[in-house]
Amino acid sequence: MSEQVQNINLTETSVPDLRDKVIQAVKTVYDPEIPVDVYELGLIYEINVYPINNVYVQMTLTSPSCPSAEVIPGEVEQKIKAIEGVNDVKVEITFDPPYSQDMMSEAAKLELGFL
């Protein structure tokens, strides 16, 4: 009986915890040309974790002609899929709104010398 209670509690708390794990995983993905992770660069527009532990990420790239356009989204997907408990991952690329340096975090701007 206590095992069932544990599973229920895990399910109730797993979405916020899983979202934090997804963010941490995304922060390990870097644009090869820029020494800042894609999360701090502001390339991640949306992260949704659904109750069945499916993850949806909407992201952009620094430009539509980014040389790493095929590599970065795949790496984001791989890193998230590696998280224990994640069922499915969908990464969608969008260019609306277009990326700008204003989307970077303060830490990214500092790292890149924009502050």
PDB file of N, CA and C in Angstrom:
ATOM      1  N   MET A   1       0.820  -1.192   0.000  1.00  0.00           N
ATOM      2  CA  MET A   1       0.000   0.000   0.000  1.00  0.00           C
ATOM      3  C   MET A   1       0.864   1.256   0.000  1.00  0.00           C
ATOM      4  N   SER A   2       1.930   1.275   0.800  1.00  0.00           N
ATOM      5  CA  SER A   2       2.768   2.463   0.865  1.00  0.00           C
ATOM      6  C   SER A   2       3.448   2.737  -0.469  1.00  0.00           C
ATOM      7  N   GLU A   3       3.706   1.695  -1.268  1.00  0.00           N
ATOM      8  CA  GLU A   3       4.311   1.895  -2.587  1.00  0.00           C
ATOM      9  C   GLU A   3       3.366   2.695  -3.477  1.00  0.00           C
ATOM     10  N   GLN A   4       2.065   2.418  -3.400  1.00  0.00           N
ATOM     11  CA  GLN A   4       1.092   3.174  -4.187  1.00  0.00           C
ATOM     12  C   GLN A   4       1.072   4.635  -3.746  1.00  0.00           C
ATOM     13  N   VAL A   5       1.130   4.885  -2.471  1.00  0.00           N
ATOM     14  CA  VAL A   5       1.144   6.256  -1.968  1.00  0.00           C
ATOM     15  C   VAL A   5       2.374   6.996  -2.485  1.00  0.00           C
ATOM     16  N   GLN A   6       3.529   6.328  -2.470  1.00  0.00           N
ATOM     17  CA  GLN A   6       4.745   6.955  -2.986  1.00  0.00           C
ATOM     18  C   GLN A   6       4.584   7.315  -4.449  1.00  0.00           C
ATOM     19  N   ASN A   7       4.026   6.427  -5.259  1.00  0.00           N
ATOM     20  CA  ASN A   7       3.830   6.705  -6.672  1.00  0.00           C
ATOM     21  C   ASN A   7       2.911   7.896  -6.887  1.00  0.00           C
ATOM     22  N   ILE A   8       1.864   7.990  -6.105  1.00  0.00           N
ATOM     23  CA  ILE A   8       0.945   9.119  -6.228  1.00  0.00           C
ATOM     24  C   ILE A   8       1.677  10.417  -5.882  1.00  0.00           C
ATOM     25  N   ASN A   9       2.428  10.410  -4.795  1.00  0.00           N
ATOM     26  CA  ASN A   9       3.167  11.608  -4.416  1.00  0.00           C
ATOM     27  C   ASN A   9       4.196  11.985  -5.472  1.00  0.00           C
ATOM     28  N   LEU A  10       4.883  11.003  -6.027  1.00  0.00           N
ATOM     29  CA  LEU A  10       5.854  11.284  -7.089  1.00  0.00           C
ATOM     30  C   LEU A  10       5.174  11.927  -8.280  1.00  0.00           C
ATOM     31  N   THR A  11       4.007  11.416  -8.653  1.00  0.00           N
ATOM     32  CA  THR A  11       3.290  11.953  -9.803  1.00  0.00           C
ATOM     33  C   THR A  11       2.873  13.394  -9.532  1.00  0.00           C
ATOM     34  N   GLU A  12       2.403  13.661  -8.328  1.00  0.00           N
ATOM     35  CA  GLU A  12       1.936  15.008  -8.012  1.00  0.00           C
ATOM     36  C   GLU A  12       3.070  16.025  -8.020  1.00  0.00           C
ATOM     37  N   THR A  13       4.272  15.619  -7.674  1.00  0.00           N
ATOM     38  CA  THR A  13       5.379  16.569  -7.593  1.00  0.00           C
ATOM     39  C   THR A  13       6.318  16.493  -8.785  1.00  0.00           C
ATOM     40  N   SER A  14       6.112  15.526  -9.672  1.00  0.00           N
ATOM     41  CA  SER A  14       7.105  15.291 -10.716  1.00  0.00           C
ATOM     42  C   SER A  14       7.153  16.376 -11.776  1.00  0.00           C
ATOM     43  N   VAL A  15       6.046  17.031 -12.106  1.00  0.00           N
ATOM     44  CA  VAL A  15       6.080  18.006 -13.189  1.00  0.00           C
ATOM     45  C   VAL A  15       6.987  19.191 -12.863  1.00  0.00           C
ATOM     46  N   PRO A  16       6.856  19.870 -11.704  1.00  0.00           N
ATOM     47  CA  PRO A  16       7.789  20.969 -11.428  1.00  0.00           C
ATOM     48  C   PRO A  16       9.235  20.487 -11.309  1.00  0.00           C
ATOM     49  N   ASP A  17       9.450  19.356 -10.649  1.00  0.00           N
ATOM     50  CA  ASP A  17      10.804  18.830 -10.518  1.00  0.00           C
ATOM     51  C   ASP A  17      11.380  18.469 -11.876  1.00  0.00           C
ATOM     52  N   LEU A  18      10.567  17.865 -12.712  1.00  0.00           N
ATOM     53  CA  LEU A  18      11.019  17.469 -14.039  1.00  0.00           C
ATOM     54  C   LEU A  18      11.326  18.698 -14.882  1.00  0.00           C
ATOM     55  N   ARG A  19      10.522  19.725 -14.752  1.00  0.00           N
ATOM     56  CA  ARG A  19      10.788  20.973 -15.492  1.00  0.00           C
ATOM     57  C   ARG A  19      12.155  21.531 -15.111  1.00  0.00           C
ATOM     58  N   ASP A  20      12.489  21.510 -13.822  1.00  0.00           N
ATOM     59  CA  ASP A  20      13.805  21.978 -13.378  1.00  0.00           C
ATOM     60  C   ASP A  20      14.920  21.120 -13.978  1.00  0.00           C
ATOM     61  N   LYS A  21      14.696  19.810 -14.028  1.00  0.00           N
ATOM     62  CA  LYS A  21      15.691  18.918 -14.616  1.00  0.00           C
ATOM     63  C   LYS A  21      15.850  19.184 -16.113  1.00  0.00           C
ATOM     64  N   VAL A  22      14.726  19.472 -16.785  1.00  0.00           N
ATOM     65  CA  VAL A  22      14.779  19.790 -18.216  1.00  0.00           C
ATOM     66  C   VAL A  22      15.589  21.061 -18.435  1.00  0.00           C
ATOM     67  N   ILE A  23      15.345  22.075 -17.631  1.00  0.00           N
ATOM     68  CA  ILE A  23      16.098  23.327 -17.760  1.00  0.00           C
ATOM     69  C   ILE A  23      17.581  23.078 -17.530  1.00  0.00           C
ATOM     70  N   GLN A  24      17.918  22.299 -16.514  1.00  0.00           N
ATOM     71  CA  GLN A  24      19.324  21.996 -16.249  1.00  0.00           C
ATOM     72  C   GLN A  24      19.957  21.239 -17.423  1.00  0.00           C
ATOM     73  N   ALA A  25      19.207  20.326 -18.030  1.00  0.00           N
ATOM     74  CA  ALA A  25      19.723  19.575 -19.173  1.00  0.00           C
ATOM     75  C   ALA A  25      19.941  20.499 -20.370  1.00  0.00           C
ATOM     76  N   VAL A  26      18.994  21.392 -20.608  1.00  0.00           N
ATOM     77  CA  VAL A  26      19.106  22.329 -21.733  1.00  0.00           C
ATOM     78  C   VAL A  26      20.311  23.252 -21.530  1.00  0.00           C
ATOM     79  N   LYS A  27      20.609  23.578 -20.289  1.00  0.00           N
ATOM     80  CA  LYS A  27      21.746  24.452 -19.997  1.00  0.00           C
ATOM     81  C   LYS A  27      23.093  23.786 -20.272  1.00  0.00           C
ATOM     82  N   THR A  28      23.084  22.510 -20.634  1.00  0.00           N
ATOM     83  CA  THR A  28      24.337  21.837 -20.993  1.00  0.00           C
ATOM     84  C   THR A  28      24.579  21.849 -22.507  1.00  0.00           C
ATOM     85  N   VAL A  29      23.651  22.461 -23.252  1.00  0.00           N
ATOM     86  CA  VAL A  29      23.773  22.531 -24.714  1.00  0.00           C
ATOM     87  C   VAL A  29      24.304  23.912 -25.090  1.00  0.00           C
ATOM     88  N   TYR A  30      25.373  23.915 -25.862  1.00  0.00           N
ATOM     89  CA  TYR A  30      26.006  25.168 -26.270  1.00  0.00           C
ATOM     90  C   TYR A  30      25.989  25.302 -27.777  1.00  0.00           C
ATOM     91  N   ASP A  31      25.836  26.533 -28.242  1.00  0.00           N
ATOM     92  CA  ASP A  31      26.075  26.830 -29.643  1.00  0.00           C
ATOM     93  C   ASP A  31      27.583  26.723 -29.808  1.00  0.00           C
ATOM     94  N   PRO A  32      28.074  25.923 -30.765  1.00  0.00           N
ATOM     95  CA  PRO A  32      29.528  25.720 -30.875  1.00  0.00           C
ATOM     96  C   PRO A  32      30.314  27.000 -31.150  1.00  0.00           C
ATOM     97  N   GLU A  33      29.635  28.032 -31.648  1.00  0.00           N
ATOM     98  CA  GLU A  33      30.333  29.276 -31.978  1.00  0.00           C
ATOM     99  C   GLU A  33      30.285  30.301 -30.850  1.00  0.00           C
ATOM    100  N   ILE A  34      29.483  30.017 -29.810  1.00  0.00           N
ATOM    101  CA  ILE A  34      29.294  30.987 -28.727  1.00  0.00           C
ATOM    102  C   ILE A  34      29.484  30.261 -27.395  1.00  0.00           C
ATOM    103  N   PRO A  35      30.319  30.782 -26.496  1.00  0.00           N
ATOM    104  CA  PRO A  35      30.602  30.072 -25.236  1.00  0.00           C
ATOM    105  C   PRO A  35      29.527  30.251 -24.155  1.00  0.00           C
ATOM    106  N   VAL A  36      28.260  30.258 -24.568  1.00  0.00           N
ATOM    107  CA  VAL A  36      27.142  30.415 -23.628  1.00  0.00           C
ATOM    108  C   VAL A  36      26.092  29.372 -24.001  1.00  0.00           C
ATOM    109  N   ASP A  37      25.442  28.773 -22.986  1.00  0.00           N
ATOM    110  CA  ASP A  37      24.446  27.750 -23.282  1.00  0.00           C
ATOM    111  C   ASP A  37      23.201  28.343 -23.937  1.00  0.00           C
ATOM    112  N   VAL A  38      22.444  27.487 -24.627  1.00  0.00           N
ATOM    113  CA  VAL A  38      21.291  27.945 -25.410  1.00  0.00           C
ATOM    114  C   VAL A  38      20.186  28.538 -24.532  1.00  0.00           C
ATOM    115  N   TYR A  39      20.093  28.098 -23.286  1.00  0.00           N
ATOM    116  CA  TYR A  39      19.077  28.650 -22.380  1.00  0.00           C
ATOM    117  C   TYR A  39      19.411  30.093 -22.034  1.00  0.00           C
ATOM    118  N   GLU A  40      20.643  30.339 -21.624  1.00  0.00           N
ATOM    119  CA  GLU A  40      21.062  31.693 -21.260  1.00  0.00           C
ATOM    120  C   GLU A  40      21.108  32.619 -22.481  1.00  0.00           C
ATOM    121  N   LEU A  41      21.352  32.043 -23.663  1.00  0.00           N
ATOM    122  CA  LEU A  41      21.336  32.848 -24.886  1.00  0.00           C
ATOM    123  C   LEU A  41      19.933  33.345 -25.219  1.00  0.00           C
ATOM    124  N   GLY A  42      18.920  32.721 -24.621  1.00  0.00           N
ATOM    125  CA  GLY A  42      17.543  33.113 -24.903  1.00  0.00           C
ATOM    126  C   GLY A  42      16.956  32.377 -26.096  1.00  0.00           C
ATOM    127  N   LEU A  43      17.573  31.270 -26.480  1.00  0.00           N
ATOM    128  CA  LEU A  43      17.082  30.509 -27.630  1.00  0.00           C
ATOM    129  C   LEU A  43      15.882  29.625 -27.286  1.00  0.00           C
ATOM    130  N   ILE A  44      15.635  29.416 -26.012  1.00  0.00           N
ATOM    131  CA  ILE A  44      14.502  28.589 -25.586  1.00  0.00           C
ATOM    132  C   ILE A  44      13.321  29.514 -25.294  1.00  0.00           C
ATOM    133  N   TYR A  45      12.280  29.379 -26.099  1.00  0.00           N
ATOM    134  CA  TYR A  45      11.092  30.221 -25.936  1.00  0.00           C
ATOM    135  C   TYR A  45      10.078  29.610 -24.986  1.00  0.00           C
ATOM    136  N   GLU A  46       9.985  28.288 -24.983  1.00  0.00           N
ATOM    137  CA  GLU A  46       8.935  27.644 -24.199  1.00  0.00           C
ATOM    138  C   GLU A  46       9.366  26.231 -23.815  1.00  0.00           C
ATOM    139  N   ILE A  47       9.059  25.846 -22.580  1.00  0.00           N
ATOM    140  CA  ILE A  47       9.243  24.471 -22.124  1.00  0.00           C
ATOM    141  C   ILE A  47       7.958  24.065 -21.426  1.00  0.00           C
ATOM    142  N   ASN A  48       7.322  23.011 -21.927  1.00  0.00           N
ATOM    143  CA  ASN A  48       6.126  22.474 -21.295  1.00  0.00           C
ATOM    144  C   ASN A  48       6.383  21.031 -20.922  1.00  0.00           C
ATOM    145  N   VAL A  49       6.056  20.694 -19.675  1.00  0.00           N
ATOM    146  CA  VAL A  49       6.129  19.313 -19.217  1.00  0.00           C
ATOM    147  C   VAL A  49       4.702  18.898 -18.898  1.00  0.00           C
ATOM    148  N   TYR A  50       4.244  17.887 -19.598  1.00  0.00           N
ATOM    149  CA  TYR A  50       2.877  17.419 -19.414  1.00  0.00           C
ATOM    150  C   TYR A  50       2.841  16.323 -18.356  1.00  0.00           C
ATOM    151  N   PRO A  51       1.676  16.128 -17.708  1.00  0.00           N
ATOM    152  CA  PRO A  51       1.577  15.177 -16.602  1.00  0.00           C
ATOM    153  C   PRO A  51       2.056  13.761 -16.926  1.00  0.00           C
ATOM    154  N   ILE A  52       2.073  13.356 -18.178  1.00  0.00           N
ATOM    155  CA  ILE A  52       2.572  12.027 -18.518  1.00  0.00           C
ATOM    156  C   ILE A  52       4.058  12.066 -18.855  1.00  0.00           C
ATOM    157  N   ASN A  53       4.716  13.144 -18.433  1.00  0.00           N
ATOM    158  CA  ASN A  53       6.160  13.331 -18.591  1.00  0.00           C
ATOM    159  C   ASN A  53       6.625  13.419 -20.042  1.00  0.00           C
ATOM    160  N   ASN A  54       5.725  13.930 -20.891  1.00  0.00           N
ATOM    161  CA  ASN A  54       6.134  14.305 -22.234  1.00  0.00           C
ATOM    162  C   ASN A  54       6.605  15.746 -22.162  1.00  0.00           C
ATOM    163  N   VAL A  55       7.648  16.077 -22.908  1.00  0.00           N
ATOM    164  CA  VAL A  55       8.242  17.411 -22.852  1.00  0.00           C
ATOM    165  C   VAL A  55       8.171  18.043 -24.231  1.00  0.00           C
ATOM    166  N   TYR A  56       7.708  19.290 -24.264  1.00  0.00           N
ATOM    167  CA  TYR A  56       7.656  20.068 -25.497  1.00  0.00           C
ATOM    168  C   TYR A  56       8.557  21.286 -25.315  1.00  0.00           C
ATOM    169  N   VAL A  57       9.434  21.519 -26.280  1.00  0.00           N
ATOM    170  CA  VAL A  57      10.321  22.678 -26.245  1.00  0.00           C
ATOM    171  C   VAL A  57      10.152  23.443 -27.548  1.00  0.00           C
ATOM    172  N   GLN A  58       9.893  24.727 -27.418  1.00  0.00           N
ATOM    173  CA  GLN A  58       9.901  25.600 -28.591  1.00  0.00           C
ATOM    174  C   GLN A  58      11.142  26.463 -28.466  1.00  0.00           C
ATOM    175  N   MET A  59      11.933  26.468 -29.522  1.00  0.00           N
ATOM    176  CA  MET A  59      13.192  27.203 -29.468  1.00  0.00           C
ATOM    177  C   MET A  59      13.458  27.861 -30.813  1.00  0.00           C
ATOM    178  N   THR A  60      14.467  28.697 -30.825  1.00  0.00           N
ATOM    179  CA  THR A  60      14.907  29.330 -32.050  1.00  0.00           C
ATOM    180  C   THR A  60      16.411  29.137 -32.168  1.00  0.00           C
ATOM    181  N   LEU A  61      16.964  29.686 -33.205  1.00  0.00           N
ATOM    182  CA  LEU A  61      18.407  29.686 -33.416  1.00  0.00           C
ATOM    183  C   LEU A  61      18.834  31.138 -33.605  1.00  0.00           C
ATOM    184  N   THR A  62      20.115  31.398 -33.508  1.00  0.00           N
ATOM    185  CA  THR A  62      20.575  32.786 -33.628  1.00  0.00           C
ATOM    186  C   THR A  62      20.260  33.363 -35.001  1.00  0.00           C
ATOM    187  N   SER A  63      20.159  32.506 -36.014  1.00  0.00           N
ATOM    188  CA  SER A  63      19.735  32.950 -37.349  1.00  0.00           C
ATOM    189  C   SER A  63      19.221  31.745 -38.124  1.00  0.00           C
ATOM    190  N   PRO A  64      18.346  31.980 -39.108  1.00  0.00           N
ATOM    191  CA  PRO A  64      17.842  30.860 -39.916  1.00  0.00           C
ATOM    192  C   PRO A  64      18.962  30.116 -40.660  1.00  0.00           C
ATOM    193  N   SER A  65      20.063  30.791 -40.910  1.00  0.00           N
ATOM    194  CA  SER A  65      21.170  30.150 -41.629  1.00  0.00           C
ATOM    195  C   SER A  65      22.266  29.656 -40.678  1.00  0.00           C
ATOM    196  N   CYS A  66      21.921  29.476 -39.420  1.00  0.00           N
ATOM    197  CA  CYS A  66      22.877  28.999 -38.415  1.00  0.00           C
ATOM    198  C   CYS A  66      23.506  27.686 -38.872  1.00  0.00           C
ATOM    199  N   PRO A  67      24.850  27.606 -38.899  1.00  0.00           N
ATOM    200  CA  PRO A  67      25.509  26.377 -39.340  1.00  0.00           C
ATOM    201  C   PRO A  67      25.201  25.166 -38.449  1.00  0.00           C
ATOM    202  N   SER A  68      24.760  25.406 -37.234  1.00  0.00           N
ATOM    203  CA  SER A  68      24.456  24.306 -36.303  1.00  0.00           C
ATOM    204  C   SER A  68      22.958  24.023 -36.220  1.00  0.00           C
ATOM    205  N   ALA A  69      22.210  24.472 -37.208  1.00  0.00           N
ATOM    206  CA  ALA A  69      20.749  24.355 -37.182  1.00  0.00           C
ATOM    207  C   ALA A  69      20.264  22.922 -37.013  1.00  0.00           C
ATOM    208  N   GLU A  70      20.992  21.968 -37.529  1.00  0.00           N
ATOM    209  CA  GLU A  70      20.560  20.578 -37.408  1.00  0.00           C
ATOM    210  C   GLU A  70      21.117  19.918 -36.154  1.00  0.00           C
ATOM    211  N   VAL A  71      22.186  20.456 -35.612  1.00  0.00           N
ATOM    212  CA  VAL A  71      22.846  19.839 -34.466  1.00  0.00           C
ATOM    213  C   VAL A  71      22.213  20.264 -33.141  1.00  0.00           C
ATOM    214  N   ILE A  72      22.006  21.555 -32.948  1.00  0.00           N
ATOM    215  CA  ILE A  72      21.551  22.070 -31.646  1.00  0.00           C
ATOM    216  C   ILE A  72      20.189  21.503 -31.235  1.00  0.00           C
ATOM    217  N   PRO A  73      19.143  21.565 -32.068  1.00  0.00           N
ATOM    218  CA  PRO A  73      17.853  20.999 -31.633  1.00  0.00           C
ATOM    219  C   PRO A  73      17.940  19.508 -31.308  1.00  0.00           C
ATOM    220  N   GLY A  74      18.715  18.768 -32.065  1.00  0.00           N
ATOM    221  CA  GLY A  74      18.894  17.346 -31.789  1.00  0.00           C
ATOM    222  C   GLY A  74      19.584  17.102 -30.465  1.00  0.00           C
ATOM    223  N   GLU A  75      20.555  17.950 -30.153  1.00  0.00           N
ATOM    224  CA  GLU A  75      21.256  17.819 -28.873  1.00  0.00           C
ATOM    225  C   GLU A  75      20.328  18.156 -27.718  1.00  0.00           C
ATOM    226  N   VAL A  76      19.491  19.190 -27.883  1.00  0.00           N
ATOM    227  CA  VAL A  76      18.507  19.542 -26.850  1.00  0.00           C
ATOM    228  C   VAL A  76      17.593  18.339 -26.601  1.00  0.00           C
ATOM    229  N   GLU A  77      17.109  17.741 -27.680  1.00  0.00           N
ATOM    230  CA  GLU A  77      16.221  16.583 -27.563  1.00  0.00           C
ATOM    231  C   GLU A  77      16.922  15.422 -26.860  1.00  0.00           C
ATOM    232  N   GLN A  78      18.151  15.125 -27.247  1.00  0.00           N
ATOM    233  CA  GLN A  78      18.916  14.024 -26.629  1.00  0.00           C
ATOM    234  C   GLN A  78      19.117  14.242 -25.138  1.00  0.00           C
ATOM    235  N   LYS A  79      19.498  15.451 -24.765  1.00  0.00           N
ATOM    236  CA  LYS A  79      19.770  15.743 -23.342  1.00  0.00           C
ATOM    237  C   LYS A  79      18.504  15.569 -22.507  1.00  0.00           C
ATOM    238  N   ILE A  80      17.358  15.992 -23.067  1.00  0.00           N
ATOM    239  CA  ILE A  80      16.102  15.863 -22.320  1.00  0.00           C
ATOM    240  C   ILE A  80      15.673  14.402 -22.249  1.00  0.00           C
ATOM    241  N   LYS A  81      15.823  13.671 -23.344  1.00  0.00           N
ATOM    242  CA  LYS A  81      15.452  12.254 -23.346  1.00  0.00           C
ATOM    243  C   LYS A  81      16.284  11.456 -22.353  1.00  0.00           C
ATOM    244  N   ALA A  82      17.473  11.912 -22.044  1.00  0.00           N
ATOM    245  CA  ALA A  82      18.353  11.203 -21.106  1.00  0.00           C
ATOM    246  C   ALA A  82      17.904  11.351 -19.651  1.00  0.00           C
ATOM    247  N   ILE A  83      16.965  12.241 -19.380  1.00  0.00           N
ATOM    248  CA  ILE A  83      16.471  12.445 -18.014  1.00  0.00           C
ATOM    249  C   ILE A  83      15.559  11.279 -17.645  1.00  0.00           C
ATOM    250  N   GLU A  84      15.837  10.686 -16.498  1.00  0.00           N
ATOM    251  CA  GLU A  84      15.017   9.569 -16.033  1.00  0.00           C
ATOM    252  C   GLU A  84      13.570  10.014 -15.860  1.00  0.00           C
ATOM    253  N   GLY A  85      12.660   9.224 -16.413  1.00  0.00           N
ATOM    254  CA  GLY A  85      11.236   9.507 -16.269  1.00  0.00           C
ATOM    255  C   GLY A  85      10.614  10.224 -17.453  1.00  0.00           C
ATOM    256  N   VAL A  86      11.417  10.789 -18.339  1.00  0.00           N
ATOM    257  CA  VAL A  86      10.868  11.475 -19.508  1.00  0.00           C
ATOM    258  C   VAL A  86      10.387  10.431 -20.503  1.00  0.00           C
ATOM    259  N   ASN A  87       9.157  10.608 -20.983  1.00  0.00           N
ATOM    260  CA  ASN A  87       8.598   9.662 -21.950  1.00  0.00           C
ATOM    261  C   ASN A  87       8.915  10.055 -23.385  1.00  0.00           C
ATOM    262  N   ASP A  88       8.507  11.247 -23.777  1.00  0.00           N
ATOM    263  CA  ASP A  88       8.676  11.671 -25.160  1.00  0.00           C
ATOM    264  C   ASP A  88       9.099  13.133 -25.171  1.00  0.00           C
ATOM    265  N   VAL A  89       9.842  13.515 -26.205  1.00  0.00           N
ATOM    266  CA  VAL A  89      10.327  14.889 -26.323  1.00  0.00           C
ATOM    267  C   VAL A  89      10.046  15.378 -27.734  1.00  0.00           C
ATOM    268  N   LYS A  90       9.496  16.573 -27.822  1.00  0.00           N
ATOM    269  CA  LYS A  90       9.305  17.226 -29.123  1.00  0.00           C
ATOM    270  C   LYS A  90       9.976  18.587 -29.047  1.00  0.00           C
ATOM    271  N   VAL A  91      10.900  18.827 -29.965  1.00  0.00           N
ATOM    272  CA  VAL A  91      11.573  20.118 -30.055  1.00  0.00           C
ATOM    273  C   VAL A  91      11.129  20.765 -31.358  1.00  0.00           C
ATOM    274  N   GLU A  92      10.544  21.934 -31.243  1.00  0.00           N
ATOM    275  CA  GLU A  92      10.060  22.663 -32.415  1.00  0.00           C
ATOM    276  C   GLU A  92      10.892  23.933 -32.589  1.00  0.00           C
ATOM    277  N   ILE A  93      11.314  24.176 -33.818  1.00  0.00           N
ATOM    278  CA  ILE A  93      12.079  25.387 -34.146  1.00  0.00           C
ATOM    279  C   ILE A  93      11.130  26.429 -34.700  1.00  0.00           C
ATOM    280  N   THR A  94      11.297  27.663 -34.241  1.00  0.00           N
ATOM    281  CA  THR A  94      10.512  28.770 -34.764  1.00  0.00           C
ATOM    282  C   THR A  94      11.430  29.969 -34.948  1.00  0.00           C
ATOM    283  N   PHE A  95      11.051  30.839 -35.828  1.00  0.00           N
ATOM    284  CA  PHE A  95      11.792  32.093 -35.999  1.00  0.00           C
ATOM    285  C   PHE A  95      10.871  33.281 -35.769  1.00  0.00           C
ATOM    286  N   ASP A  96       9.788  33.035 -35.027  1.00  0.00           N
ATOM    287  CA  ASP A  96       8.833  34.073 -34.701  1.00  0.00           C
ATOM    288  C   ASP A  96       8.601  34.069 -33.204  1.00  0.00           C
ATOM    289  N   PRO A  97       9.047  35.030 -32.469  1.00  0.00           N
ATOM    290  CA  PRO A  97       9.732  36.241 -32.927  1.00  0.00           C
ATOM    291  C   PRO A  97      11.182  35.945 -33.297  1.00  0.00           C
ATOM    292  N   PRO A  98      11.727  36.761 -34.175  1.00  0.00           N
ATOM    293  CA  PRO A  98      13.125  36.580 -34.541  1.00  0.00           C
ATOM    294  C   PRO A  98      14.039  36.780 -33.329  1.00  0.00           C
ATOM    295  N   TYR A  99      15.121  36.057 -33.304  1.00  0.00           N
ATOM    296  CA  TYR A  99      16.075  36.154 -32.204  1.00  0.00           C
ATOM    297  C   TYR A  99      16.777  37.509 -32.219  1.00  0.00           C
ATOM    298  N   SER A 100      16.986  38.041 -31.029  1.00  0.00           N
ATOM    299  CA  SER A 100      17.803  39.252 -30.890  1.00  0.00           C
ATOM    300  C   SER A 100      18.620  39.133 -29.607  1.00  0.00           C
ATOM    301  N   GLN A 101      19.671  39.919 -29.511  1.00  0.00           N
ATOM    302  CA  GLN A 101      20.542  39.865 -28.332  1.00  0.00           C
ATOM    303  C   GLN A 101      19.814  40.298 -27.066  1.00  0.00           C
ATOM    304  N   ASP A 102      18.690  40.976 -27.204  1.00  0.00           N
ATOM    305  CA  ASP A 102      17.902  41.379 -26.034  1.00  0.00           C
ATOM    306  C   ASP A 102      17.336  40.171 -25.285  1.00  0.00           C
ATOM    307  N   MET A 103      17.279  39.023 -25.947  1.00  0.00           N
ATOM    308  CA  MET A 103      16.718  37.817 -25.335  1.00  0.00           C
ATOM    309  C   MET A 103      17.713  37.118 -24.409  1.00  0.00           C
ATOM    310  N   MET A 104      18.967  37.508 -24.444  1.00  0.00           N
ATOM    311  CA  MET A 104      19.991  36.895 -23.600  1.00  0.00           C
ATOM    312  C   MET A 104      19.780  37.264 -22.137  1.00  0.00           C
ATOM    313  N   SER A 105      20.155  36.354 -21.273  1.00  0.00           N
ATOM    314  CA  SER A 105      20.135  36.647 -19.840  1.00  0.00           C
ATOM    315  C   SER A 105      21.258  37.633 -19.532  1.00  0.00           C
ATOM    316  N   GLU A 106      21.186  38.229 -18.358  1.00  0.00           N
ATOM    317  CA  GLU A 106      22.249  39.141 -17.931  1.00  0.00           C
ATOM    318  C   GLU A 106      23.590  38.403 -17.864  1.00  0.00           C
ATOM    319  N   ALA A 107      23.549  37.140 -17.397  1.00  0.00           N
ATOM    320  CA  ALA A 107      24.785  36.352 -17.290  1.00  0.00           C
ATOM    321  C   ALA A 107      25.409  36.132 -18.672  1.00  0.00           C
ATOM    322  N   ALA A 108      24.570  35.872 -19.683  1.00  0.00           N
ATOM    323  CA  ALA A 108      25.083  35.664 -21.037  1.00  0.00           C
ATOM    324  C   ALA A 108      25.678  36.965 -21.587  1.00  0.00           C
ATOM    325  N   LYS A 109      24.994  38.067 -21.359  1.00  0.00           N
ATOM    326  CA  LYS A 109      25.493  39.357 -21.836  1.00  0.00           C
ATOM    327  C   LYS A 109      26.840  39.678 -21.177  1.00  0.00           C
ATOM    328  N   LEU A 110      26.951  39.391 -19.896  1.00  0.00           N
ATOM    329  CA  LEU A 110      28.193  39.626 -19.171  1.00  0.00           C
ATOM    330  C   LEU A 110      29.304  38.737 -19.728  1.00  0.00           C
ATOM    331  N   GLU A 111      29.002  37.459 -19.931  1.00  0.00           N
ATOM    332  CA  GLU A 111      29.992  36.507 -20.467  1.00  0.00           C
ATOM    333  C   GLU A 111      30.502  36.927 -21.839  1.00  0.00           C
ATOM    334  N   LEU A 112      29.608  37.483 -22.644  1.00  0.00           N
ATOM    335  CA  LEU A 112      29.975  37.861 -24.011  1.00  0.00           C
ATOM    336  C   LEU A 112      30.454  39.309 -24.121  1.00  0.00           C
ATOM    337  N   GLY A 113      30.509  40.003 -22.978  1.00  0.00           N
ATOM    338  CA  GLY A 113      31.043  41.362 -22.970  1.00  0.00           C
ATOM    339  C   GLY A 113      30.077  42.425 -23.446  1.00  0.00           C
ATOM    340  N   PHE A 114      28.766  42.146 -23.367  1.00  0.00           N
ATOM    341  CA  PHE A 114      27.769  43.122 -23.790  1.00  0.00           C
ATOM    342  C   PHE A 114      27.353  44.052 -22.667  1.00  0.00           C
ATOM    343  N   LEU A 115      27.825  43.825 -21.456  1.00  0.00           N
ATOM    344  CA  LEU A 115      27.494  44.708 -20.313  1.00  0.00           C
ATOM    345  C   LEU A 115      28.717  45.444 -19.855  1.00  0.00           C
TER     346      LEU A 115
END
